[in-house]
Amino acid sequence: MIGLVARMLVVALAVSACGRLPSPGAVNPRAEALEPAERPSPSEVLATCLDPASAGQDPLPAGDAAAQIAEITARVEELRELRFGGRAVTPEFVSRLEISRRVAATLERGYSPEEADADRRIYSTFGAVPPDIDLRVTAARLVAGGTVGFYDPESDQLVVATRDREAPLGPREQSILAHELTHAVVDAAFGLPLPRELIANGTGDASLAALALVEGDAVLVERRFTQSGIPGADLASAEIGVPAGVPYVLNAAVRFPYVYGAAFACVLFREGGFPAVDAAYGDPPTTTAQVLFPERYLAREPAADPRDLAMLPAPWQRGPTDTFGAADLLWLFEAPGDEEAAALDDPLGSAFDWAGGEVQLWTDGPRSAVGVALVDRGAGELCDAVSDWYEAAFPDDERVDTGIGEVLARDGATQDAVLRCGGAEVRLGIAPDLATARALAA
């Protein structure tokens, strides 16, 4: 996820992993006032960047794997309008089990138990993950199990899963290779962004936005390659299911760079072809709101800086602080309490009202407290959406009297919450007691 959990995702996806993942709901690439049913889905947006007339017109020649790799490499250069030059990248074909092992090892090295514990505390207070979840294990199951290829820009290593390393490449292997070669040729031309550097500076939202550009670009080329070069390919059969017990928000976060990133790249492509996509590598999106709503990227609309969150006295100890983005809100709104059936009426429309955000963790032994500061973009409806989400996520909590400026106050079995709104400010405090929750929401 964005914010704190972005560390986990970017570590796992730093090798630009390619997975077959299902598509989420709608995205609105250009207009700001469409009804939910009128918003095109990410796949509908992506379809506008494909050419139906090219379907199956240029099939890959039959032959051995080496000849196919050479042909796919040449086609990726042509489609992406970039050249490798003297930078040769030789793909390595391994089993799915070996790819899973490598990605899991990368995640284990880069996502520490302390980071995972902080993420668990925050997202369990949101009701998005169980309080006792092991995020490192769950992330490894989700990401490693769903990875079918990756490119590592630090080592120029390109790896693709295959069932038979001696046989010619099948449709799935060809498609994956086109995706990963796109990463490689872009890296050769511009150098891929390193979202981990953004995370180190506490800008997890920007890190996932940059990752969406990288993966969306590769998905766009992959789909254009597949449409013209693999007649009748049914790659939907290669989609990988979500392991049991994986919370909705984790799966939605892993899908984000591919699904919404592809729609974002398509909008840039429609604006000015691949030169417009190229330019974005020098000026990447800085918020996931710019990815979800590309008109904000085209206008270079920055995130607003919310007022600093409150400090808590001892024995509370201050934990990590990070950005909290529009996509964070989207995923919470789509599945309050990890229940998709409880989704808000228009999650994306509600997330549209985001203009900036920050999240802060406090700890006292096993106890956790979380403050969230959001900025409403101007419609004045973000406060109501956050209130509706919290009530849907914790329907059994008792309502208590609200104070001045408070919109919501809830007394739960394990935590209490206070939501305060005023002007463009939306401030949520979640803590073991109402007094602490009120202090965080102040």
Protein backbone atom coordinates (compact mmCIF):
# COMPACT_ATOMS: atom_id res chain seq x y z
CA MET A 1 0.00 0.00 0.00
CA ILE A 2 0.97 3.55 -0.16
CA GLY A 3 2.21 5.34 2.88
CA LEU A 4 3.99 2.96 5.19
CA VAL A 5 3.14 -0.31 3.43
CA ALA A 6 4.64 1.10 0.23
CA ARG A 7 7.98 0.04 1.65
CA MET A 8 6.88 -3.57 1.46
CA LEU A 9 5.53 -3.26 -2.06
CA VAL A 10 8.46 -1.38 -3.54
CA VAL A 11 10.95 -3.80 -2.01
CA ALA A 12 9.00 -6.70 -3.49
CA LEU A 13 8.44 -4.99 -6.83
CA ALA A 14 11.78 -3.18 -7.05
CA VAL A 15 12.78 -5.79 -9.57
CA SER A 16 9.85 -4.62 -11.73
CA ALA A 17 7.97 -7.87 -11.33
CA CYS A 18 5.31 -8.81 -13.83
CA GLY A 19 2.21 -10.64 -12.64
CA ARG A 20 -1.15 -11.71 -14.04
CA LEU A 21 -3.59 -9.99 -11.74
CA PRO A 22 -7.32 -9.29 -11.98
CA SER A 23 -8.54 -5.80 -12.77
CA PRO A 24 -10.25 -3.58 -10.17
CA GLY A 25 -13.05 -1.11 -10.68
CA ALA A 26 -13.29 2.16 -12.52
CA VAL A 27 -10.85 4.94 -13.27
CA ASN A 28 -11.67 8.41 -14.55
CA PRO A 29 -8.77 9.61 -16.70
CA ARG A 30 -9.97 12.98 -17.88
CA ALA A 31 -13.32 14.18 -16.51
CA GLU A 32 -13.99 15.23 -12.94
CA ALA A 33 -17.77 14.97 -12.62
CA LEU A 34 -18.86 11.69 -14.14
CA GLU A 35 -21.37 9.43 -12.46
CA PRO A 36 -19.91 6.10 -11.27
CA ALA A 37 -21.51 4.15 -14.11
CA GLU A 38 -20.06 6.59 -16.67
CA ARG A 39 -16.45 6.23 -15.62
CA PRO A 40 -14.44 4.02 -17.98
CA SER A 41 -12.64 1.11 -16.36
CA PRO A 42 -8.84 0.90 -16.59
CA SER A 43 -9.17 -1.77 -19.27
CA GLU A 44 -11.52 0.47 -21.26
CA VAL A 45 -9.00 3.30 -21.05
CA LEU A 46 -6.19 0.99 -22.12
CA ALA A 47 -8.25 -0.22 -25.08
CA THR A 48 -8.15 3.29 -26.54
CA CYS A 49 -4.39 2.88 -26.95
CA LEU A 50 -4.65 -0.39 -28.86
CA ASP A 51 -5.30 -0.82 -32.57
CA PRO A 52 -7.97 -3.44 -33.31
CA ALA A 53 -6.87 -3.52 -36.95
CA SER A 54 -3.47 -4.87 -35.87
CA ALA A 55 -4.88 -7.91 -34.10
CA GLY A 56 -2.94 -10.97 -35.19
CA GLN A 57 -1.46 -9.20 -38.22
CA ASP A 58 2.19 -9.91 -37.44
CA PRO A 59 2.53 -13.28 -35.69
CA LEU A 60 5.89 -14.34 -34.35
CA PRO A 61 7.64 -16.89 -36.55
CA ALA A 62 7.85 -20.45 -35.30
CA GLY A 63 11.34 -21.55 -34.28
CA ASP A 64 13.63 -22.05 -31.39
CA ALA A 65 13.64 -19.87 -28.30
CA ALA A 66 16.77 -17.94 -29.32
CA ALA A 67 15.20 -16.82 -32.59
CA GLN A 68 12.00 -15.85 -30.82
CA ILE A 69 13.89 -13.82 -28.21
CA ALA A 70 15.72 -11.91 -30.93
CA GLU A 71 12.45 -11.18 -32.72
CA ILE A 72 10.65 -10.09 -29.54
CA THR A 73 13.57 -7.83 -28.64
CA ALA A 74 13.43 -6.17 -32.06
CA ARG A 75 9.68 -5.70 -31.83
CA VAL A 76 9.88 -4.17 -28.36
CA GLU A 77 12.45 -1.69 -29.65
CA GLU A 78 10.12 -0.82 -32.54
CA LEU A 79 6.96 -0.60 -30.44
CA ARG A 80 8.56 1.39 -27.63
CA GLU A 81 10.53 3.58 -30.09
CA LEU A 82 13.75 3.07 -28.11
CA ARG A 83 16.96 1.12 -28.76
CA PHE A 84 19.17 -0.98 -26.51
CA GLY A 85 22.28 0.24 -28.33
CA GLY A 86 25.26 -1.65 -26.94
CA ARG A 87 23.47 -2.70 -23.76
CA ALA A 88 22.63 -6.37 -24.27
CA VAL A 89 20.14 -8.05 -21.93
CA THR A 90 19.99 -11.84 -22.04
CA PRO A 91 16.86 -13.31 -20.46
CA GLU A 92 17.08 -16.18 -18.03
CA PHE A 93 14.28 -18.75 -18.03
CA VAL A 94 13.61 -20.50 -14.74
CA SER A 95 10.77 -22.33 -13.04
CA ARG A 96 7.92 -20.50 -11.31
CA LEU A 97 9.19 -21.95 -8.05
CA GLU A 98 12.62 -20.40 -8.57
CA ILE A 99 11.14 -16.99 -9.38
CA SER A 100 9.00 -17.18 -6.24
CA ARG A 101 12.07 -18.06 -4.20
CA ARG A 102 14.07 -15.09 -5.52
CA VAL A 103 11.28 -12.56 -4.99
CA ALA A 104 10.57 -13.87 -1.49
CA ALA A 105 14.27 -13.57 -0.65
CA THR A 106 14.32 -9.96 -1.89
CA LEU A 107 11.30 -9.15 0.23
CA GLU A 108 12.81 -10.77 3.32
CA ARG A 109 16.03 -8.77 2.94
CA GLY A 110 14.37 -5.43 2.32
CA TYR A 111 11.24 -5.48 4.49
CA SER A 112 12.30 -5.68 8.11
CA PRO A 113 10.24 -7.14 10.97
CA GLU A 114 10.13 -3.65 12.52
CA GLU A 115 8.69 -2.12 9.35
CA ALA A 116 6.17 -4.92 9.02
CA ASP A 117 5.10 -4.47 12.64
CA ALA A 118 4.52 -0.75 12.11
CA ASP A 119 2.46 -1.45 9.03
CA ARG A 120 0.44 -4.12 10.85
CA ARG A 121 -0.36 -1.73 13.68
CA ILE A 122 -1.52 1.04 11.36
CA TYR A 123 -3.63 -1.01 8.99
CA SER A 124 -5.19 -3.09 11.76
CA THR A 125 -6.42 0.15 13.38
CA PHE A 126 -8.08 0.85 10.04
CA GLY A 127 -9.72 -2.58 10.13
CA ALA A 128 -7.98 -3.45 6.86
CA VAL A 129 -5.85 -6.34 8.17
CA PRO A 130 -6.20 -8.69 11.15
CA PRO A 131 -4.36 -7.54 14.31
CA ASP A 132 -2.28 -10.73 14.38
CA ILE A 133 -1.31 -10.87 10.68
CA ASP A 134 2.30 -11.55 9.75
CA LEU A 135 2.72 -9.07 6.89
CA ARG A 136 6.10 -10.40 5.81
CA VAL A 137 4.74 -13.90 5.32
CA THR A 138 1.51 -12.68 3.72
CA ALA A 139 3.33 -10.32 1.36
CA ALA A 140 5.71 -13.08 0.32
CA ARG A 141 2.79 -15.40 -0.46
CA LEU A 142 1.01 -12.75 -2.49
CA VAL A 143 3.88 -11.14 -4.39
CA ALA A 144 6.17 -14.12 -4.87
CA GLY A 145 3.29 -16.40 -5.82
CA GLY A 146 2.01 -13.91 -8.41
CA THR A 147 5.31 -13.05 -10.09
CA VAL A 148 5.93 -14.62 -13.49
CA GLY A 149 8.86 -12.46 -14.58
CA PHE A 150 11.06 -9.62 -13.39
CA TYR A 151 13.75 -7.19 -14.47
CA ASP A 152 16.27 -5.89 -11.93
CA PRO A 153 17.67 -2.51 -13.07
CA GLU A 154 20.55 -2.74 -10.59
CA SER A 155 21.93 -5.93 -12.12
CA ASP A 156 20.35 -5.91 -15.62
CA GLN A 157 18.94 -9.32 -14.74
CA LEU A 158 15.82 -10.30 -16.70
CA VAL A 159 14.07 -13.49 -15.55
CA VAL A 160 10.98 -15.17 -17.00
CA ALA A 161 9.10 -18.20 -15.72
CA THR A 162 8.71 -21.10 -18.12
CA ARG A 163 7.58 -24.72 -17.91
CA ASP A 164 10.20 -25.97 -20.37
CA ARG A 165 13.47 -24.09 -20.90
CA GLU A 166 14.31 -26.16 -23.98
CA ALA A 167 11.06 -25.60 -25.90
CA PRO A 168 10.04 -22.58 -28.02
CA LEU A 169 8.33 -19.84 -26.04
CA GLY A 170 4.59 -20.12 -25.61
CA PRO A 171 2.19 -17.14 -25.73
CA ARG A 172 2.51 -16.42 -22.02
CA GLU A 173 6.31 -16.45 -22.05
CA GLN A 174 6.37 -14.24 -25.15
CA SER A 175 4.06 -11.70 -23.52
CA ILE A 176 6.00 -11.65 -20.25
CA LEU A 177 9.28 -11.25 -22.10
CA ALA A 178 7.92 -8.25 -24.01
CA HIS A 179 6.89 -6.66 -20.71
CA GLU A 180 10.28 -7.16 -19.06
CA LEU A 181 12.23 -6.13 -22.17
CA THR A 182 10.29 -2.88 -22.09
CA HIS A 183 11.68 -2.25 -18.59
CA ALA A 184 15.15 -3.08 -19.86
CA VAL A 185 15.05 -0.80 -22.91
CA VAL A 186 13.62 2.08 -20.86
CA ASP A 187 16.32 1.53 -18.26
CA ALA A 188 18.96 1.60 -21.01
CA ALA A 189 17.56 4.88 -22.34
CA PHE A 190 16.68 6.81 -19.18
CA GLY A 191 17.38 4.76 -16.08
CA LEU A 192 14.39 3.51 -14.14
CA PRO A 193 13.21 5.51 -11.12
CA LEU A 194 14.15 4.05 -7.78
CA PRO A 195 11.04 4.43 -5.61
CA ARG A 196 12.93 3.14 -2.58
CA GLU A 197 14.79 6.46 -2.43
CA LEU A 198 11.46 8.26 -2.15
CA ILE A 199 10.37 5.95 0.67
CA ALA A 200 13.54 6.77 2.59
CA ASN A 201 12.40 10.39 2.54
CA GLY A 202 8.93 9.54 3.85
CA THR A 203 7.14 9.91 0.52
CA GLY A 204 5.62 6.49 -0.01
CA ASP A 205 2.77 7.90 -2.08
CA ALA A 206 5.24 9.30 -4.61
CA SER A 207 7.11 6.00 -4.67
CA LEU A 208 4.07 4.04 -5.75
CA ALA A 209 3.10 6.72 -8.26
CA ALA A 210 6.56 6.40 -9.87
CA LEU A 211 6.23 2.62 -9.86
CA ALA A 212 2.87 2.95 -11.62
CA LEU A 213 4.55 4.86 -14.45
CA VAL A 214 7.18 2.12 -14.84
CA GLU A 215 4.73 -0.78 -14.81
CA GLY A 216 2.02 1.01 -16.77
CA ASP A 217 4.46 1.77 -19.58
CA ALA A 218 5.46 -1.91 -19.76
CA VAL A 219 1.84 -3.11 -19.70
CA LEU A 220 0.99 -0.76 -22.58
CA VAL A 221 3.83 -2.12 -24.74
CA GLU A 222 3.07 -5.70 -23.70
CA ARG A 223 -0.57 -5.38 -24.74
CA ARG A 224 0.30 -3.76 -28.07
CA PHE A 225 2.85 -6.51 -28.71
CA THR A 226 0.44 -9.27 -27.75
CA GLN A 227 -2.38 -7.88 -29.87
CA SER A 228 -0.33 -7.84 -33.06
CA GLY A 229 2.04 -10.76 -32.51
CA ILE A 230 0.09 -13.49 -30.73
CA PRO A 231 -3.07 -14.28 -32.70
CA GLY A 232 -5.93 -15.51 -30.59
CA ALA A 233 -3.91 -15.48 -27.38
CA ASP A 234 -6.07 -16.05 -24.33
CA LEU A 235 -3.79 -14.84 -21.61
CA ALA A 236 -6.66 -14.54 -19.14
CA SER A 237 -6.10 -18.23 -18.42
CA ALA A 238 -2.68 -17.26 -17.05
CA GLU A 239 -4.12 -15.00 -14.36
CA ILE A 240 -2.99 -15.96 -10.89
CA GLY A 241 -5.56 -16.12 -8.11
CA VAL A 242 -5.20 -14.39 -4.77
CA PRO A 243 -4.01 -16.73 -1.99
CA ALA A 244 -6.49 -17.39 0.78
CA GLY A 245 -6.24 -15.05 3.75
CA VAL A 246 -4.76 -12.09 1.86
CA PRO A 247 -6.53 -8.87 2.88
CA TYR A 248 -8.20 -6.88 0.11
CA VAL A 249 -6.02 -3.83 0.62
CA LEU A 250 -2.79 -5.77 0.01
CA ASN A 251 -4.04 -7.28 -3.22
CA ALA A 252 -5.41 -3.93 -4.42
CA ALA A 253 -2.05 -2.31 -3.72
CA VAL A 254 -0.13 -4.91 -5.70
CA ARG A 255 -2.52 -4.51 -8.66
CA PHE A 256 -2.31 -0.73 -8.64
CA PRO A 257 0.94 -0.16 -10.61
CA TYR A 258 -0.18 -2.48 -13.41
CA VAL A 259 -3.87 -1.67 -13.73
CA TYR A 260 -4.08 2.04 -12.97
CA GLY A 261 -0.53 2.57 -14.19
CA ALA A 262 -1.49 1.20 -17.62
CA ALA A 263 -4.43 3.58 -17.86
CA PHE A 264 -2.15 6.46 -16.81
CA ALA A 265 0.46 5.54 -19.44
CA CYS A 266 -2.28 5.30 -22.04
CA VAL A 267 -3.48 8.82 -21.28
CA LEU A 268 0.07 10.12 -21.76
CA PHE A 269 0.38 8.10 -24.96
CA ARG A 270 -2.81 9.65 -26.31
CA GLU A 271 -1.50 13.10 -25.42
CA GLY A 272 1.77 12.76 -27.34
CA GLY A 273 2.75 9.18 -28.13
CA PHE A 274 5.74 7.55 -26.48
CA PRO A 275 7.68 10.86 -26.39
CA ALA A 276 5.10 11.98 -23.80
CA VAL A 277 5.68 8.79 -21.82
CA ASP A 278 9.45 9.31 -22.14
CA ALA A 279 9.13 12.81 -20.73
CA ALA A 280 7.36 11.45 -17.65
CA TYR A 281 10.51 9.56 -16.62
CA GLY A 282 12.21 12.91 -16.15
CA ASP A 283 9.13 14.33 -14.42
CA PRO A 284 7.32 11.36 -12.82
CA PRO A 285 3.95 11.56 -11.08
CA THR A 286 4.36 12.61 -7.48
CA THR A 287 1.04 11.39 -6.06
CA THR A 288 -1.21 8.44 -6.69
CA ALA A 289 -3.98 10.99 -7.27
CA GLN A 290 -2.08 12.00 -10.42
CA VAL A 291 -2.14 8.35 -11.52
CA LEU A 292 -5.81 7.79 -10.69
CA PHE A 293 -6.78 11.13 -12.26
CA PRO A 294 -4.19 11.88 -14.95
CA GLU A 295 -5.56 15.36 -15.61
CA ARG A 296 -3.91 16.27 -12.30
CA TYR A 297 -0.57 15.07 -13.62
CA LEU A 298 -1.02 17.00 -16.85
CA ALA A 299 -1.73 20.10 -14.73
CA ARG A 300 1.19 19.18 -12.38
CA GLU A 301 -1.12 19.49 -9.39
CA PRO A 302 0.99 18.87 -6.25
CA ALA A 303 -0.11 17.40 -2.94
CA ALA A 304 -1.16 19.85 -0.26
CA ASP A 305 0.81 19.67 2.98
CA PRO A 306 -1.54 19.03 5.92
CA ARG A 307 -1.04 20.68 9.27
CA ASP A 308 1.31 18.66 11.46
CA LEU A 309 -0.27 15.94 13.55
CA ALA A 310 -0.35 16.25 17.32
CA MET A 311 2.41 14.99 19.60
CA LEU A 312 1.49 12.54 22.37
CA PRO A 313 3.10 12.60 25.81
CA ALA A 314 5.01 9.73 27.41
CA PRO A 315 4.67 6.79 27.67
CA TRP A 316 3.69 7.02 24.00
CA GLN A 317 6.62 6.73 21.61
CA ARG A 318 6.53 8.24 18.15
CA GLY A 319 6.72 5.76 15.29
CA PRO A 320 7.00 6.24 11.53
CA THR A 321 5.31 9.10 9.68
CA ASP A 322 4.57 8.92 5.97
CA THR A 323 2.36 10.30 3.25
CA PHE A 324 -1.16 8.91 2.97
CA GLY A 325 -2.43 9.03 -0.59
CA ALA A 326 -5.60 8.98 -2.63
CA ALA A 327 -5.07 5.30 -3.41
CA ASP A 328 -4.82 4.52 0.31
CA LEU A 329 -8.25 6.05 0.72
CA LEU A 330 -9.58 4.28 -2.37
CA TRP A 331 -8.67 0.84 -1.06
CA LEU A 332 -10.12 1.53 2.38
CA PHE A 333 -13.32 2.88 0.81
CA GLU A 334 -13.56 -0.18 -1.47
CA ALA A 335 -13.48 -2.65 1.43
CA PRO A 336 -14.25 -1.18 4.87
CA GLY A 337 -13.27 -3.69 7.51
CA ASP A 338 -11.82 -5.86 4.71
CA GLU A 339 -15.37 -6.42 3.41
CA GLU A 340 -15.97 -5.52 -0.24
CA ALA A 341 -19.72 -5.85 0.36
CA ALA A 342 -19.48 -2.84 2.70
CA ALA A 343 -17.90 -0.56 0.06
CA LEU A 344 -18.93 3.08 -0.16
CA ASP A 345 -21.29 3.91 -3.00
CA ASP A 346 -18.56 5.56 -5.10
CA PRO A 347 -15.11 4.80 -3.65
CA LEU A 348 -13.17 6.43 -6.48
CA GLY A 349 -15.37 9.52 -6.46
CA SER A 350 -14.77 9.86 -2.73
CA ALA A 351 -11.01 9.40 -3.15
CA PHE A 352 -11.12 12.14 -5.80
CA ASP A 353 -11.61 14.68 -3.00
CA TRP A 354 -8.12 13.92 -1.62
CA ALA A 355 -5.64 16.79 -1.93
CA GLY A 356 -2.96 15.67 0.53
CA GLY A 357 -2.45 13.38 3.49
CA GLU A 358 -0.18 12.10 6.23
CA VAL A 359 -0.29 9.21 8.71
CA GLN A 360 1.53 8.96 12.05
CA LEU A 361 1.97 5.90 14.30
CA TRP A 362 2.45 6.02 18.08
CA THR A 363 3.23 2.98 20.25
CA ASP A 364 3.19 2.10 23.93
CA GLY A 365 4.27 -1.51 24.19
CA PRO A 366 1.53 -3.55 22.49
CA ARG A 367 -0.79 -0.53 22.33
CA SER A 368 -1.06 1.53 19.13
CA ALA A 369 -2.43 4.95 18.26
CA VAL A 370 -2.71 6.40 14.77
CA GLY A 371 -3.32 9.91 13.53
CA VAL A 372 -4.34 10.75 9.97
CA ALA A 373 -4.36 14.29 8.56
CA LEU A 374 -6.06 14.83 5.19
CA VAL A 375 -6.69 17.87 3.03
CA ASP A 376 -9.98 18.15 1.17
CA ARG A 377 -9.54 19.28 -2.43
CA GLY A 378 -12.42 21.70 -2.16
CA ALA A 379 -15.68 19.82 -2.62
CA GLY A 380 -16.15 19.50 1.14
CA GLU A 381 -17.22 15.86 0.94
CA LEU A 382 -14.09 14.04 2.07
CA CYS A 383 -15.08 14.34 5.73
CA ASP A 384 -18.39 12.55 5.11
CA ALA A 385 -16.63 9.79 3.16
CA VAL A 386 -14.12 9.15 5.96
CA SER A 387 -16.95 9.10 8.50
CA ASP A 388 -18.99 6.67 6.39
CA TRP A 389 -15.94 4.45 5.91
CA TYR A 390 -15.12 4.23 9.61
CA GLU A 391 -18.70 3.41 10.54
CA ALA A 392 -18.81 0.70 7.86
CA ALA A 393 -15.46 -0.73 8.98
CA PHE A 394 -16.48 -0.85 12.66
CA PRO A 395 -20.28 -1.20 12.65
CA ASP A 396 -20.46 -2.49 16.24
CA ASP A 397 -18.72 0.50 17.82
CA GLU A 398 -20.87 2.63 20.09
CA ARG A 399 -21.61 6.24 19.19
CA VAL A 400 -20.68 8.74 21.88
CA ASP A 401 -21.28 12.47 22.17
CA THR A 402 -19.12 14.56 19.86
CA GLY A 403 -17.27 17.66 20.91
CA ILE A 404 -16.95 20.99 19.12
CA GLY A 405 -15.79 20.45 15.53
CA GLU A 406 -16.09 16.67 15.82
CA VAL A 407 -18.07 14.79 13.21
CA LEU A 408 -17.64 11.30 14.63
CA ALA A 409 -16.75 9.80 18.00
CA ARG A 410 -16.84 6.04 18.49
CA ASP A 411 -16.16 3.82 21.49
CA GLY A 412 -15.13 0.33 20.41
CA ALA A 413 -14.18 -2.86 22.18
CA THR A 414 -10.45 -2.46 21.43
CA GLN A 415 -10.07 1.10 20.12
CA ASP A 416 -11.82 4.45 19.98
CA ALA A 417 -11.92 6.99 17.16
CA VAL A 418 -12.57 10.71 16.74
CA LEU A 419 -12.98 12.52 13.43
CA ARG A 420 -12.69 16.30 13.35
CA CYS A 421 -13.33 18.40 10.24
CA GLY A 422 -13.08 22.10 9.55
CA GLY A 423 -12.51 23.96 6.32
CA ALA A 424 -10.22 21.82 4.20
CA GLU A 425 -8.95 19.82 7.20
CA VAL A 426 -10.00 16.23 7.88
CA ARG A 427 -8.28 14.77 10.94
CA LEU A 428 -8.80 11.28 12.34
CA GLY A 429 -7.46 9.93 15.62
CA ILE A 430 -7.62 6.24 16.53
CA ALA A 431 -6.39 5.11 19.96
CA PRO A 432 -7.16 2.79 22.87
CA ASP A 433 -9.12 5.59 24.60
CA LEU A 434 -11.18 8.59 23.52
CA ALA A 435 -8.90 11.17 25.15
CA THR A 436 -5.90 10.02 23.12
CA ALA A 437 -7.98 9.75 19.96
CA ARG A 438 -9.20 13.33 20.52
CA ALA A 439 -5.63 14.54 20.99
CA LEU A 440 -4.58 13.01 17.67
CA ALA A 441 -7.57 14.47 15.84
CA ALA A 442 -7.00 17.97 17.20
